[in-house]
Amino acid sequence: MNERERIFKQLQKIGESIVAMFGINCETCIHDLTDLHHSLIHINGAVTGREIGAPATDLLVKLLESANDKPEDLHNYRTVSGDGRTLKSSTIFISDSSDKPIFAFCINFDTTDYFNASQALQQFFIAEQNEHPADSSETFAQSPSETIEALFQQAVLEIGKQPATMSTEEKTDLVEILERNGALQFKGAVEQIALLAGVSKYTIYNYLKKIHARQAINHL
């Protein structure tokens, strides 16, 4: 067994132990950095729905591209699954004895259920709430996409559930809040909102049609 195989076996054992400890909301992945087209070579858990042979994520590619052979680990960052579930993730780069990065070891933890539970329990701990608690928050964004995401998270708080567990009606309400708060004024907003909500952009347009029809009836 060569060095690469030994490292891979050790990472497999670590990944299995992490998932065994944290349960079904946890997933660990091993990416082969020598083949980004089919980088996913091992996975424990089923949080993101990916399978062996999947390509490297956009973030992983960016980290490698900007690193000049020395990519930095990234811990506890927020990601969104394809169906709109919110995750906490970490990416750790693993090097061989020559200090060359050969694997990326990734941990994804689905926090959706915990968020929903915390929102449901808030009414028991907060004596007095504003009607719209997100109104007083402010994000000093560096780009339009950051502003859209901030508005999206404020709307999620107002609904009280993560998008993956919302009904169609609740997702429609989410989009209505976003339109009311000005998120759709930004270029590319529909595509970004669709990604964050775990639906297609055409679904967002259908929600908007429904919203506008409802608003028209209310104004009669």
N, C-alpha and C. Protein backbone atom coordinates (compact mmCIF):
# COMPACT_ATOMS: atom_id res chain seq x y z
N MET A 1 0.85 -1.19 0.00
CA MET A 1 0.00 0.00 0.00
C MET A 1 0.89 1.25 0.00
N ASN A 2 0.69 2.13 -0.98
CA ASN A 2 1.52 3.33 -1.06
C ASN A 2 0.98 4.44 -0.15
N GLU A 3 1.70 5.56 -0.12
CA GLU A 3 1.33 6.65 0.78
C GLU A 3 -0.07 7.17 0.49
N ARG A 4 -0.40 7.35 -0.76
CA ARG A 4 -1.71 7.89 -1.14
C ARG A 4 -2.84 6.97 -0.65
N GLU A 5 -2.65 5.68 -0.83
CA GLU A 5 -3.66 4.73 -0.40
C GLU A 5 -3.82 4.71 1.11
N ARG A 6 -2.70 4.84 1.84
CA ARG A 6 -2.76 4.87 3.30
C ARG A 6 -3.52 6.10 3.80
N ILE A 7 -3.25 7.25 3.19
CA ILE A 7 -3.95 8.48 3.59
C ILE A 7 -5.44 8.35 3.31
N PHE A 8 -5.77 7.80 2.15
CA PHE A 8 -7.18 7.63 1.78
C PHE A 8 -7.91 6.73 2.77
N LYS A 9 -7.27 5.62 3.15
CA LYS A 9 -7.87 4.70 4.12
C LYS A 9 -8.10 5.39 5.46
N GLN A 10 -7.15 6.20 5.90
CA GLN A 10 -7.29 6.91 7.17
C GLN A 10 -8.43 7.92 7.12
N LEU A 11 -8.55 8.62 6.00
CA LEU A 11 -9.63 9.59 5.84
C LEU A 11 -10.99 8.90 5.83
N GLN A 12 -11.06 7.73 5.22
CA GLN A 12 -12.30 6.97 5.23
C GLN A 12 -12.73 6.65 6.67
N LYS A 13 -11.79 6.20 7.47
CA LYS A 13 -12.08 5.86 8.87
C LYS A 13 -12.53 7.08 9.66
N ILE A 14 -11.86 8.22 9.43
CA ILE A 14 -12.24 9.46 10.12
C ILE A 14 -13.64 9.88 9.72
N GLY A 15 -13.92 9.83 8.41
CA GLY A 15 -15.25 10.20 7.93
C GLY A 15 -16.34 9.33 8.49
N GLU A 16 -16.10 8.03 8.55
CA GLU A 16 -17.09 7.09 9.09
C GLU A 16 -17.36 7.38 10.57
N SER A 17 -16.30 7.70 11.32
CA SER A 17 -16.47 7.96 12.75
C SER A 17 -17.25 9.26 13.01
N ILE A 18 -17.01 10.28 12.17
CA ILE A 18 -17.71 11.56 12.32
C ILE A 18 -19.21 11.37 12.05
N VAL A 19 -19.55 10.66 10.98
CA VAL A 19 -20.96 10.44 10.65
C VAL A 19 -21.62 9.56 11.71
N ALA A 20 -20.88 8.55 12.20
CA ALA A 20 -21.44 7.69 13.25
C ALA A 20 -21.74 8.49 14.51
N MET A 21 -20.93 9.51 14.79
CA MET A 21 -21.12 10.30 16.00
C MET A 21 -22.26 11.30 15.84
N PHE A 22 -22.36 11.97 14.69
CA PHE A 22 -23.32 13.07 14.53
C PHE A 22 -24.60 12.67 13.80
N GLY A 23 -24.67 11.46 13.26
CA GLY A 23 -25.93 10.94 12.76
C GLY A 23 -26.32 11.35 11.35
N ILE A 24 -27.61 11.22 11.06
CA ILE A 24 -28.11 11.34 9.69
C ILE A 24 -28.00 12.75 9.13
N ASN A 25 -27.83 13.75 9.97
CA ASN A 25 -27.70 15.12 9.47
C ASN A 25 -26.28 15.43 9.02
N CYS A 26 -25.38 14.47 9.15
CA CYS A 26 -23.97 14.71 8.86
C CYS A 26 -23.52 13.89 7.65
N GLU A 27 -22.61 14.48 6.88
CA GLU A 27 -22.04 13.82 5.71
C GLU A 27 -20.56 14.17 5.60
N THR A 28 -19.73 13.20 5.26
CA THR A 28 -18.32 13.47 5.00
C THR A 28 -17.97 13.01 3.59
N CYS A 29 -17.10 13.76 2.94
CA CYS A 29 -16.72 13.47 1.56
C CYS A 29 -15.20 13.54 1.40
N ILE A 30 -14.70 12.74 0.49
CA ILE A 30 -13.29 12.82 0.12
C ILE A 30 -13.21 13.12 -1.37
N HIS A 31 -12.50 14.19 -1.70
CA HIS A 31 -12.31 14.58 -3.10
C HIS A 31 -10.87 14.33 -3.53
N ASP A 32 -10.71 13.75 -4.70
CA ASP A 32 -9.40 13.54 -5.32
C ASP A 32 -9.04 14.80 -6.10
N LEU A 33 -8.02 15.51 -5.66
CA LEU A 33 -7.67 16.79 -6.28
C LEU A 33 -6.95 16.64 -7.62
N THR A 34 -6.66 15.42 -8.00
CA THR A 34 -6.00 15.20 -9.30
C THR A 34 -7.01 15.00 -10.43
N ASP A 35 -8.29 14.90 -10.09
CA ASP A 35 -9.33 14.68 -11.10
C ASP A 35 -10.58 15.45 -10.71
N LEU A 36 -10.61 16.74 -10.99
CA LEU A 36 -11.72 17.59 -10.56
C LEU A 36 -13.02 17.29 -11.29
N HIS A 37 -12.91 16.66 -12.46
CA HIS A 37 -14.13 16.31 -13.20
C HIS A 37 -14.92 15.20 -12.50
N HIS A 38 -14.20 14.34 -11.79
CA HIS A 38 -14.84 13.22 -11.08
C HIS A 38 -14.21 13.10 -9.70
N SER A 39 -14.15 14.21 -8.99
CA SER A 39 -13.31 14.27 -7.79
C SER A 39 -13.86 13.52 -6.59
N LEU A 40 -15.18 13.34 -6.50
CA LEU A 40 -15.76 12.72 -5.32
C LEU A 40 -15.51 11.20 -5.37
N ILE A 41 -14.61 10.72 -4.49
CA ILE A 41 -14.23 9.31 -4.53
C ILE A 41 -14.73 8.53 -3.32
N HIS A 42 -15.27 9.25 -2.32
CA HIS A 42 -15.83 8.56 -1.16
C HIS A 42 -16.81 9.48 -0.45
N ILE A 43 -17.91 8.89 0.02
CA ILE A 43 -18.90 9.71 0.73
C ILE A 43 -19.58 8.86 1.81
N ASN A 44 -19.74 9.44 2.98
CA ASN A 44 -20.51 8.84 4.07
C ASN A 44 -21.69 9.76 4.36
N GLY A 45 -22.88 9.19 4.51
CA GLY A 45 -24.04 10.02 4.74
C GLY A 45 -24.70 10.41 3.43
N ALA A 46 -25.85 11.08 3.54
CA ALA A 46 -26.61 11.43 2.33
C ALA A 46 -27.24 12.81 2.46
N VAL A 47 -26.46 13.77 2.89
CA VAL A 47 -26.98 15.12 3.10
C VAL A 47 -27.16 15.88 1.78
N THR A 48 -26.17 15.81 0.90
CA THR A 48 -26.22 16.59 -0.34
C THR A 48 -26.78 15.82 -1.52
N GLY A 49 -26.96 14.49 -1.37
CA GLY A 49 -27.53 13.70 -2.45
C GLY A 49 -26.57 13.37 -3.57
N ARG A 50 -25.27 13.66 -3.37
CA ARG A 50 -24.30 13.37 -4.43
C ARG A 50 -23.86 11.91 -4.39
N GLU A 51 -23.26 11.48 -5.50
CA GLU A 51 -22.78 10.11 -5.61
C GLU A 51 -21.31 10.10 -6.03
N ILE A 52 -20.67 8.96 -5.85
CA ILE A 52 -19.28 8.79 -6.27
C ILE A 52 -19.14 9.16 -7.74
N GLY A 53 -18.09 9.92 -8.06
CA GLY A 53 -17.87 10.35 -9.45
C GLY A 53 -18.36 11.75 -9.73
N ALA A 54 -19.00 12.39 -8.75
CA ALA A 54 -19.46 13.77 -8.93
C ALA A 54 -18.27 14.71 -9.04
N PRO A 55 -18.42 15.83 -9.73
CA PRO A 55 -17.30 16.76 -9.88
C PRO A 55 -17.04 17.57 -8.62
N ALA A 56 -15.92 18.27 -8.60
CA ALA A 56 -15.61 19.19 -7.50
C ALA A 56 -16.63 20.31 -7.46
N THR A 57 -16.92 20.81 -6.26
CA THR A 57 -17.85 21.93 -6.13
C THR A 57 -17.20 23.22 -6.62
N ASP A 58 -18.03 24.22 -6.87
CA ASP A 58 -17.50 25.51 -7.33
C ASP A 58 -16.56 26.12 -6.29
N LEU A 59 -16.91 25.99 -5.00
CA LEU A 59 -16.06 26.55 -3.95
C LEU A 59 -14.71 25.86 -3.91
N LEU A 60 -14.71 24.55 -4.03
CA LEU A 60 -13.45 23.81 -4.01
C LEU A 60 -12.54 24.23 -5.16
N VAL A 61 -13.13 24.39 -6.33
CA VAL A 61 -12.35 24.84 -7.50
C VAL A 61 -11.77 26.23 -7.26
N LYS A 62 -12.59 27.13 -6.69
CA LYS A 62 -12.12 28.49 -6.42
C LYS A 62 -10.97 28.50 -5.41
N LEU A 63 -11.10 27.69 -4.36
CA LEU A 63 -10.04 27.62 -3.35
C LEU A 63 -8.74 27.12 -3.94
N LEU A 64 -8.82 26.14 -4.82
CA LEU A 64 -7.62 25.60 -5.45
C LEU A 64 -7.01 26.60 -6.44
N GLU A 65 -7.88 27.28 -7.17
CA GLU A 65 -7.41 28.22 -8.20
C GLU A 65 -6.71 29.42 -7.60
N SER A 66 -7.18 29.88 -6.44
CA SER A 66 -6.63 31.09 -5.83
C SER A 66 -5.49 30.81 -4.85
N ALA A 67 -5.12 29.53 -4.72
CA ALA A 67 -4.21 29.18 -3.63
C ALA A 67 -2.75 29.10 -4.02
N ASN A 68 -2.46 28.98 -5.33
CA ASN A 68 -1.07 28.79 -5.76
C ASN A 68 -0.42 27.60 -5.07
N ASP A 69 -1.08 26.44 -5.15
CA ASP A 69 -0.60 25.17 -4.60
C ASP A 69 -0.65 25.10 -3.08
N LYS A 70 -1.15 26.13 -2.40
CA LYS A 70 -1.24 26.12 -0.95
C LYS A 70 -2.65 26.53 -0.51
N PRO A 71 -3.65 25.72 -0.83
CA PRO A 71 -5.02 26.08 -0.46
C PRO A 71 -5.20 26.07 1.06
N GLU A 72 -5.98 27.02 1.55
CA GLU A 72 -6.22 27.11 2.98
C GLU A 72 -7.52 26.40 3.35
N ASP A 73 -7.49 25.75 4.51
CA ASP A 73 -8.70 25.10 5.01
C ASP A 73 -9.78 26.14 5.28
N LEU A 74 -11.01 25.72 5.17
CA LEU A 74 -12.14 26.61 5.41
C LEU A 74 -13.09 25.90 6.36
N HIS A 75 -13.39 26.55 7.49
CA HIS A 75 -14.17 25.90 8.53
C HIS A 75 -15.50 26.61 8.79
N ASN A 76 -16.53 25.79 9.02
CA ASN A 76 -17.80 26.28 9.55
C ASN A 76 -18.44 27.37 8.69
N TYR A 77 -18.43 27.17 7.37
CA TYR A 77 -19.07 28.15 6.48
C TYR A 77 -20.46 27.63 6.08
N ARG A 78 -21.28 28.55 5.64
CA ARG A 78 -22.67 28.22 5.30
C ARG A 78 -22.78 27.82 3.84
N THR A 79 -23.51 26.74 3.58
CA THR A 79 -23.81 26.33 2.22
C THR A 79 -25.29 25.99 2.12
N VAL A 80 -25.77 25.80 0.89
CA VAL A 80 -27.17 25.45 0.67
C VAL A 80 -27.21 24.24 -0.25
N SER A 81 -27.96 23.21 0.13
CA SER A 81 -28.08 22.02 -0.70
C SER A 81 -28.98 22.30 -1.90
N GLY A 82 -29.01 21.36 -2.82
CA GLY A 82 -29.81 21.54 -4.03
C GLY A 82 -31.29 21.67 -3.77
N ASP A 83 -31.78 21.13 -2.65
CA ASP A 83 -33.21 21.25 -2.33
C ASP A 83 -33.49 22.34 -1.31
N GLY A 84 -32.50 23.23 -1.07
CA GLY A 84 -32.73 24.39 -0.23
C GLY A 84 -32.47 24.19 1.25
N ARG A 85 -31.86 23.08 1.64
CA ARG A 85 -31.53 22.86 3.05
C ARG A 85 -30.24 23.62 3.38
N THR A 86 -30.20 24.20 4.57
CA THR A 86 -29.05 24.99 5.00
C THR A 86 -28.04 24.10 5.72
N LEU A 87 -26.78 24.21 5.32
CA LEU A 87 -25.73 23.37 5.87
C LEU A 87 -24.62 24.21 6.48
N LYS A 88 -23.94 23.64 7.47
CA LYS A 88 -22.66 24.14 7.94
C LYS A 88 -21.60 23.20 7.38
N SER A 89 -20.55 23.76 6.78
CA SER A 89 -19.56 22.91 6.11
C SER A 89 -18.13 23.30 6.48
N SER A 90 -17.26 22.34 6.30
CA SER A 90 -15.82 22.58 6.46
C SER A 90 -15.09 21.81 5.36
N THR A 91 -14.01 22.41 4.86
CA THR A 91 -13.16 21.76 3.86
C THR A 91 -11.72 21.78 4.36
N ILE A 92 -11.10 20.60 4.44
CA ILE A 92 -9.72 20.49 4.92
C ILE A 92 -8.89 19.85 3.82
N PHE A 93 -7.80 20.50 3.46
CA PHE A 93 -6.92 19.99 2.41
C PHE A 93 -5.86 19.07 3.02
N ILE A 94 -5.70 17.90 2.43
CA ILE A 94 -4.78 16.89 2.92
C ILE A 94 -3.62 16.76 1.95
N SER A 95 -2.39 16.89 2.46
CA SER A 95 -1.20 16.84 1.62
C SER A 95 -0.41 15.55 1.84
N ASP A 96 0.40 15.19 0.85
CA ASP A 96 1.28 14.03 0.99
C ASP A 96 2.59 14.47 1.65
N SER A 97 3.57 13.58 1.70
CA SER A 97 4.83 13.87 2.39
C SER A 97 5.65 14.95 1.69
N SER A 98 5.35 15.22 0.42
CA SER A 98 6.04 16.29 -0.30
C SER A 98 5.30 17.62 -0.19
N ASP A 99 4.27 17.66 0.68
CA ASP A 99 3.46 18.85 0.94
C ASP A 99 2.60 19.27 -0.25
N LYS A 100 2.27 18.30 -1.09
CA LYS A 100 1.39 18.56 -2.23
C LYS A 100 -0.04 18.16 -1.85
N PRO A 101 -1.02 19.06 -1.97
CA PRO A 101 -2.41 18.70 -1.66
C PRO A 101 -2.92 17.61 -2.60
N ILE A 102 -3.42 16.52 -2.04
CA ILE A 102 -3.91 15.41 -2.88
C ILE A 102 -5.39 15.10 -2.64
N PHE A 103 -5.88 15.42 -1.46
CA PHE A 103 -7.29 15.19 -1.15
C PHE A 103 -7.89 16.41 -0.48
N ALA A 104 -9.21 16.55 -0.61
CA ALA A 104 -9.97 17.50 0.19
C ALA A 104 -10.97 16.68 1.01
N PHE A 105 -10.92 16.86 2.31
CA PHE A 105 -11.84 16.17 3.22
C PHE A 105 -12.90 17.17 3.65
N CYS A 106 -14.16 16.87 3.35
CA CYS A 106 -15.25 17.83 3.57
C CYS A 106 -16.29 17.26 4.54
N ILE A 107 -16.80 18.14 5.38
CA ILE A 107 -17.87 17.79 6.32
C ILE A 107 -19.05 18.71 6.04
N ASN A 108 -20.22 18.12 5.87
CA ASN A 108 -21.46 18.88 5.67
C ASN A 108 -22.46 18.48 6.75
N PHE A 109 -22.98 19.47 7.46
CA PHE A 109 -23.94 19.19 8.54
C PHE A 109 -25.22 19.98 8.27
N ASP A 110 -26.31 19.26 8.15
CA ASP A 110 -27.61 19.86 7.85
C ASP A 110 -28.21 20.47 9.12
N THR A 111 -28.35 21.80 9.13
CA THR A 111 -28.86 22.50 10.31
C THR A 111 -30.34 22.86 10.19
N THR A 112 -31.00 22.43 9.11
CA THR A 112 -32.37 22.84 8.83
C THR A 112 -33.32 22.54 9.98
N ASP A 113 -33.30 21.30 10.47
CA ASP A 113 -34.23 20.91 11.54
C ASP A 113 -33.98 21.70 12.81
N TYR A 114 -32.71 22.00 13.09
CA TYR A 114 -32.38 22.75 14.30
C TYR A 114 -32.88 24.19 14.20
N PHE A 115 -32.76 24.76 13.00
CA PHE A 115 -33.27 26.12 12.79
C PHE A 115 -34.78 26.16 13.00
N ASN A 116 -35.48 25.21 12.39
CA ASN A 116 -36.94 25.18 12.52
C ASN A 116 -37.36 24.99 13.98
N ALA A 117 -36.64 24.13 14.69
CA ALA A 117 -36.96 23.90 16.09
C ALA A 117 -36.72 25.16 16.93
N SER A 118 -35.63 25.86 16.65
CA SER A 118 -35.32 27.07 17.42
C SER A 118 -36.36 28.15 17.17
N GLN A 119 -36.85 28.24 15.92
CA GLN A 119 -37.87 29.23 15.60
C GLN A 119 -39.18 28.89 16.31
N ALA A 120 -39.51 27.60 16.37
CA ALA A 120 -40.74 27.18 17.03
C ALA A 120 -40.69 27.44 18.53
N LEU A 121 -39.50 27.35 19.12
CA LEU A 121 -39.36 27.52 20.57
C LEU A 121 -39.22 28.97 21.00
N GLN A 122 -38.90 29.86 20.05
CA GLN A 122 -38.66 31.26 20.42
C GLN A 122 -39.83 31.89 21.15
N GLN A 123 -41.04 31.53 20.75
CA GLN A 123 -42.22 32.16 21.36
C GLN A 123 -42.32 31.88 22.85
N PHE A 124 -41.65 30.81 23.31
CA PHE A 124 -41.70 30.48 24.73
C PHE A 124 -40.66 31.23 25.56
N PHE A 125 -39.66 31.81 24.86
CA PHE A 125 -38.56 32.45 25.57
C PHE A 125 -38.52 33.97 25.40
N ILE A 126 -39.21 34.47 24.39
CA ILE A 126 -39.19 35.91 24.12
C ILE A 126 -40.54 36.48 24.52
N ALA A 127 -40.54 37.37 25.49
CA ALA A 127 -41.80 37.90 26.01
C ALA A 127 -42.45 38.85 25.04
N GLU A 128 -41.65 39.59 24.30
CA GLU A 128 -42.23 40.59 23.41
C GLU A 128 -41.40 40.65 22.14
N GLN A 129 -42.05 40.52 21.00
CA GLN A 129 -41.37 40.55 19.72
C GLN A 129 -41.96 41.65 18.85
N ASN A 130 -41.10 42.23 18.03
CA ASN A 130 -41.61 43.14 17.00
C ASN A 130 -42.36 42.31 15.97
N GLU A 131 -43.25 42.96 15.28
CA GLU A 131 -44.00 42.24 14.25
C GLU A 131 -43.07 41.72 13.17
N HIS A 132 -42.04 42.50 12.85
CA HIS A 132 -41.06 42.09 11.85
C HIS A 132 -39.66 42.24 12.45
N PRO A 133 -39.18 41.24 13.20
CA PRO A 133 -37.92 41.36 13.90
C PRO A 133 -36.72 41.59 13.00
N ALA A 134 -36.83 41.23 11.72
CA ALA A 134 -35.69 41.39 10.83
C ALA A 134 -35.55 42.83 10.32
N ASP A 135 -36.56 43.67 10.57
CA ASP A 135 -36.54 45.00 10.01
C ASP A 135 -35.37 45.84 10.49
N SER A 136 -34.90 45.59 11.71
CA SER A 136 -33.85 46.42 12.29
C SER A 136 -32.45 45.90 11.99
N SER A 137 -32.34 44.76 11.29
CA SER A 137 -31.02 44.22 10.99
C SER A 137 -30.46 44.88 9.74
N GLU A 138 -29.14 44.89 9.65
CA GLU A 138 -28.47 45.49 8.49
C GLU A 138 -27.21 44.73 8.19
N THR A 139 -27.01 44.43 6.90
CA THR A 139 -25.81 43.74 6.45
C THR A 139 -25.00 44.68 5.56
N PHE A 140 -23.74 44.89 5.89
CA PHE A 140 -22.89 45.78 5.10
C PHE A 140 -22.26 44.97 3.98
N ALA A 141 -23.05 44.77 2.93
CA ALA A 141 -22.66 43.88 1.85
C ALA A 141 -21.56 44.47 0.98
N GLN A 142 -20.76 43.58 0.42
CA GLN A 142 -19.71 43.97 -0.51
C GLN A 142 -20.12 43.76 -1.97
N SER A 143 -21.26 43.11 -2.19
CA SER A 143 -21.72 42.82 -3.54
C SER A 143 -23.24 42.67 -3.53
N PRO A 144 -23.89 42.83 -4.69
CA PRO A 144 -25.34 42.64 -4.75
C PRO A 144 -25.78 41.26 -4.27
N SER A 145 -24.98 40.24 -4.57
CA SER A 145 -25.36 38.89 -4.16
C SER A 145 -25.42 38.77 -2.64
N GLU A 146 -24.54 39.48 -1.93
CA GLU A 146 -24.57 39.46 -0.47
C GLU A 146 -25.83 40.14 0.06
N THR A 147 -26.23 41.23 -0.60
CA THR A 147 -27.47 41.91 -0.20
C THR A 147 -28.67 41.00 -0.42
N ILE A 148 -28.71 40.32 -1.57
CA ILE A 148 -29.82 39.40 -1.86
C ILE A 148 -29.87 38.30 -0.83
N GLU A 149 -28.72 37.74 -0.48
CA GLU A 149 -28.70 36.65 0.50
C GLU A 149 -29.15 37.15 1.87
N ALA A 150 -28.75 38.37 2.24
CA ALA A 150 -29.17 38.93 3.53
C ALA A 150 -30.68 39.11 3.56
N LEU A 151 -31.25 39.64 2.48
CA LEU A 151 -32.70 39.81 2.39
C LEU A 151 -33.41 38.46 2.42
N PHE A 152 -32.79 37.47 1.78
CA PHE A 152 -33.36 36.12 1.78
C PHE A 152 -33.41 35.55 3.19
N GLN A 153 -32.31 35.69 3.93
CA GLN A 153 -32.27 35.15 5.29
C GLN A 153 -33.25 35.87 6.22
N GLN A 154 -33.43 37.17 6.01
CA GLN A 154 -34.41 37.91 6.80
C GLN A 154 -35.83 37.40 6.51
N ALA A 155 -36.10 37.10 5.22
CA ALA A 155 -37.42 36.58 4.85
C ALA A 155 -37.64 35.19 5.44
N VAL A 156 -36.60 34.37 5.46
CA VAL A 156 -36.68 33.04 6.05
C VAL A 156 -37.03 33.15 7.54
N LEU A 157 -36.39 34.09 8.22
CA LEU A 157 -36.70 34.31 9.64
C LEU A 157 -38.16 34.71 9.84
N GLU A 158 -38.65 35.51 8.92
CA GLU A 158 -40.05 35.97 9.02
C GLU A 158 -41.02 34.81 8.84
N ILE A 159 -40.68 33.90 7.92
CA ILE A 159 -41.53 32.71 7.72
C ILE A 159 -41.38 31.75 8.90
N GLY A 160 -40.14 31.62 9.39
CA GLY A 160 -39.90 30.76 10.55
C GLY A 160 -39.52 29.33 10.22
N LYS A 161 -39.20 29.07 8.94
CA LYS A 161 -38.77 27.73 8.52
C LYS A 161 -37.69 27.87 7.46
N GLN A 162 -36.85 26.85 7.35
CA GLN A 162 -35.92 26.80 6.24
C GLN A 162 -36.67 26.40 4.97
N PRO A 163 -36.23 26.87 3.79
CA PRO A 163 -36.97 26.62 2.54
C PRO A 163 -37.28 25.16 2.26
N ALA A 164 -36.34 24.26 2.61
CA ALA A 164 -36.54 22.85 2.30
C ALA A 164 -37.75 22.26 2.99
N THR A 165 -38.19 22.87 4.09
CA THR A 165 -39.34 22.34 4.84
C THR A 165 -40.59 23.21 4.67
N MET A 166 -40.50 24.22 3.80
CA MET A 166 -41.67 25.07 3.56
C MET A 166 -42.64 24.41 2.59
N SER A 167 -43.92 24.69 2.78
CA SER A 167 -44.93 24.29 1.81
C SER A 167 -44.85 25.23 0.61
N THR A 168 -45.58 24.89 -0.45
CA THR A 168 -45.61 25.76 -1.63
C THR A 168 -46.15 27.13 -1.27
N GLU A 169 -47.17 27.18 -0.44
CA GLU A 169 -47.75 28.46 -0.02
C GLU A 169 -46.73 29.28 0.77
N GLU A 170 -45.97 28.63 1.63
CA GLU A 170 -44.97 29.35 2.41
C GLU A 170 -43.83 29.87 1.52
N LYS A 171 -43.47 29.09 0.52
CA LYS A 171 -42.44 29.56 -0.42
C LYS A 171 -42.96 30.74 -1.24
N THR A 172 -44.23 30.70 -1.57
CA THR A 172 -44.83 31.84 -2.27
C THR A 172 -44.79 33.08 -1.38
N ASP A 173 -45.12 32.90 -0.10
CA ASP A 173 -45.05 34.02 0.85
C ASP A 173 -43.61 34.53 0.97
N LEU A 174 -42.65 33.62 0.95
CA LEU A 174 -41.23 33.99 1.02
C LEU A 174 -40.87 34.91 -0.14
N VAL A 175 -41.26 34.53 -1.33
CA VAL A 175 -40.97 35.34 -2.52
C VAL A 175 -41.69 36.68 -2.45
N GLU A 176 -42.91 36.68 -1.91
CA GLU A 176 -43.65 37.94 -1.77
C GLU A 176 -42.92 38.89 -0.82
N ILE A 177 -42.38 38.36 0.27
CA ILE A 177 -41.60 39.19 1.20
C ILE A 177 -40.37 39.74 0.51
N LEU A 178 -39.69 38.91 -0.26
CA LEU A 178 -38.49 39.35 -0.97
C LEU A 178 -38.80 40.45 -1.97
N GLU A 179 -39.92 40.30 -2.69
CA GLU A 179 -40.31 41.34 -3.64
C GLU A 179 -40.66 42.63 -2.91
N ARG A 180 -41.40 42.51 -1.81
CA ARG A 180 -41.78 43.68 -1.02
C ARG A 180 -40.57 44.41 -0.47
N ASN A 181 -39.53 43.66 -0.10
CA ASN A 181 -38.33 44.27 0.49
C ASN A 181 -37.29 44.69 -0.55
N GLY A 182 -37.61 44.53 -1.84
CA GLY A 182 -36.75 45.06 -2.89
C GLY A 182 -35.68 44.14 -3.41
N ALA A 183 -35.68 42.86 -3.03
CA ALA A 183 -34.62 41.95 -3.46
C ALA A 183 -34.61 41.75 -4.97
N LEU A 184 -35.79 41.81 -5.60
CA LEU A 184 -35.88 41.53 -7.03
C LEU A 184 -35.42 42.68 -7.90
N GLN A 185 -35.03 43.80 -7.29
CA GLN A 185 -34.51 44.92 -8.07
C GLN A 185 -33.10 44.64 -8.61
N PHE A 186 -32.42 43.66 -8.01
CA PHE A 186 -31.04 43.37 -8.40
C PHE A 186 -30.99 42.42 -9.59
N LYS A 187 -30.03 42.65 -10.45
CA LYS A 187 -29.83 41.76 -11.60
C LYS A 187 -29.42 40.37 -11.10
N GLY A 188 -30.05 39.35 -11.67
CA GLY A 188 -29.73 37.98 -11.28
C GLY A 188 -30.39 37.53 -10.00
N ALA A 189 -31.28 38.35 -9.45
CA ALA A 189 -31.90 38.02 -8.17
C ALA A 189 -32.74 36.76 -8.25
N VAL A 190 -33.51 36.61 -9.32
CA VAL A 190 -34.40 35.44 -9.43
C VAL A 190 -33.58 34.15 -9.42
N GLU A 191 -32.47 34.14 -10.16
CA GLU A 191 -31.63 32.94 -10.21
C GLU A 191 -31.03 32.63 -8.85
N GLN A 192 -30.57 33.67 -8.15
CA GLN A 192 -29.96 33.45 -6.83
C GLN A 192 -31.00 33.00 -5.81
N ILE A 193 -32.17 33.61 -5.84
CA ILE A 193 -33.23 33.22 -4.92
C ILE A 193 -33.65 31.77 -5.18
N ALA A 194 -33.74 31.41 -6.45
CA ALA A 194 -34.09 30.03 -6.80
C ALA A 194 -33.08 29.05 -6.23
N LEU A 195 -31.80 29.39 -6.34
CA LEU A 195 -30.74 28.53 -5.81
C LEU A 195 -30.85 28.39 -4.30
N LEU A 196 -31.06 29.51 -3.62
CA LEU A 196 -31.16 29.49 -2.16
C LEU A 196 -32.40 28.74 -1.68
N ALA A 197 -33.47 28.82 -2.46
CA ALA A 197 -34.73 28.18 -2.07
C ALA A 197 -34.82 26.73 -2.51
N GLY A 198 -33.88 26.30 -3.35
CA GLY A 198 -33.89 24.92 -3.81
C GLY A 198 -34.95 24.62 -4.84
N VAL A 199 -35.29 25.63 -5.68
CA VAL A 199 -36.26 25.44 -6.75
C VAL A 199 -35.68 26.01 -8.03
N SER A 200 -36.39 25.85 -9.14
CA SER A 200 -35.93 26.42 -10.41
C SER A 200 -36.35 27.88 -10.52
N LYS A 201 -35.69 28.61 -11.41
CA LYS A 201 -36.07 30.02 -11.60
C LYS A 201 -37.49 30.13 -12.17
N TYR A 202 -37.91 29.10 -12.93
CA TYR A 202 -39.26 29.12 -13.50
C TYR A 202 -40.30 28.98 -12.39
N THR A 203 -39.95 28.24 -11.33
CA THR A 203 -40.86 28.14 -10.18
C THR A 203 -41.01 29.49 -9.50
N ILE A 204 -39.90 30.23 -9.38
CA ILE A 204 -39.96 31.58 -8.79
C ILE A 204 -40.87 32.48 -9.63
N TYR A 205 -40.74 32.40 -10.95
CA TYR A 205 -41.61 33.20 -11.82
C TYR A 205 -43.08 32.79 -11.64
N ASN A 206 -43.34 31.50 -11.44
CA ASN A 206 -44.71 31.05 -11.21
C ASN A 206 -45.24 31.59 -9.88
N TYR A 207 -44.38 31.62 -8.86
CA TYR A 207 -44.78 32.21 -7.58
C TYR A 207 -45.14 33.69 -7.76
N LEU A 208 -44.33 34.38 -8.56
CA LEU A 208 -44.57 35.81 -8.78
C LEU A 208 -45.89 36.05 -9.50
N LYS A 209 -46.19 35.20 -10.47
CA LYS A 209 -47.48 35.31 -11.16
C LYS A 209 -48.63 35.13 -10.18
N LYS A 210 -48.50 34.14 -9.31
CA LYS A 210 -49.53 33.88 -8.31
C LYS A 210 -49.66 35.06 -7.35
N ILE A 211 -48.52 35.62 -6.94
CA ILE A 211 -48.52 36.77 -6.03
C ILE A 211 -49.20 37.97 -6.67
N HIS A 212 -48.85 38.26 -7.92
CA HIS A 212 -49.40 39.43 -8.60
C HIS A 212 -50.89 39.26 -8.86
N ALA A 213 -51.31 38.02 -9.16
CA ALA A 213 -52.74 37.76 -9.36
C ALA A 213 -53.50 37.97 -8.05
N ARG A 214 -52.90 37.52 -6.95
CA ARG A 214 -53.52 37.67 -5.64
C ARG A 214 -53.61 39.14 -5.26
N GLN A 215 -52.56 39.89 -5.56
CA GLN A 215 -52.54 41.33 -5.24
C GLN A 215 -53.59 42.07 -6.07
N ALA A 216 -53.74 41.66 -7.32
CA ALA A 216 -54.72 42.31 -8.20
C ALA A 216 -56.14 42.10 -7.67
N ILE A 217 -56.41 40.89 -7.20
CA ILE A 217 -57.75 40.58 -6.66
C ILE A 217 -57.99 41.41 -5.39
N ASN A 218 -56.97 41.54 -4.55
CA ASN A 218 -57.12 42.28 -3.30
C ASN A 218 -57.37 43.77 -3.51
N HIS A 219 -56.93 44.27 -4.69
CA HIS A 219 -57.10 45.69 -4.97
C HIS A 219 -58.42 46.00 -5.68
N LEU A 220 -59.18 44.95 -6.00
CA LEU A 220 -60.47 45.19 -6.66
C LEU A 220 -61.47 45.80 -5.69
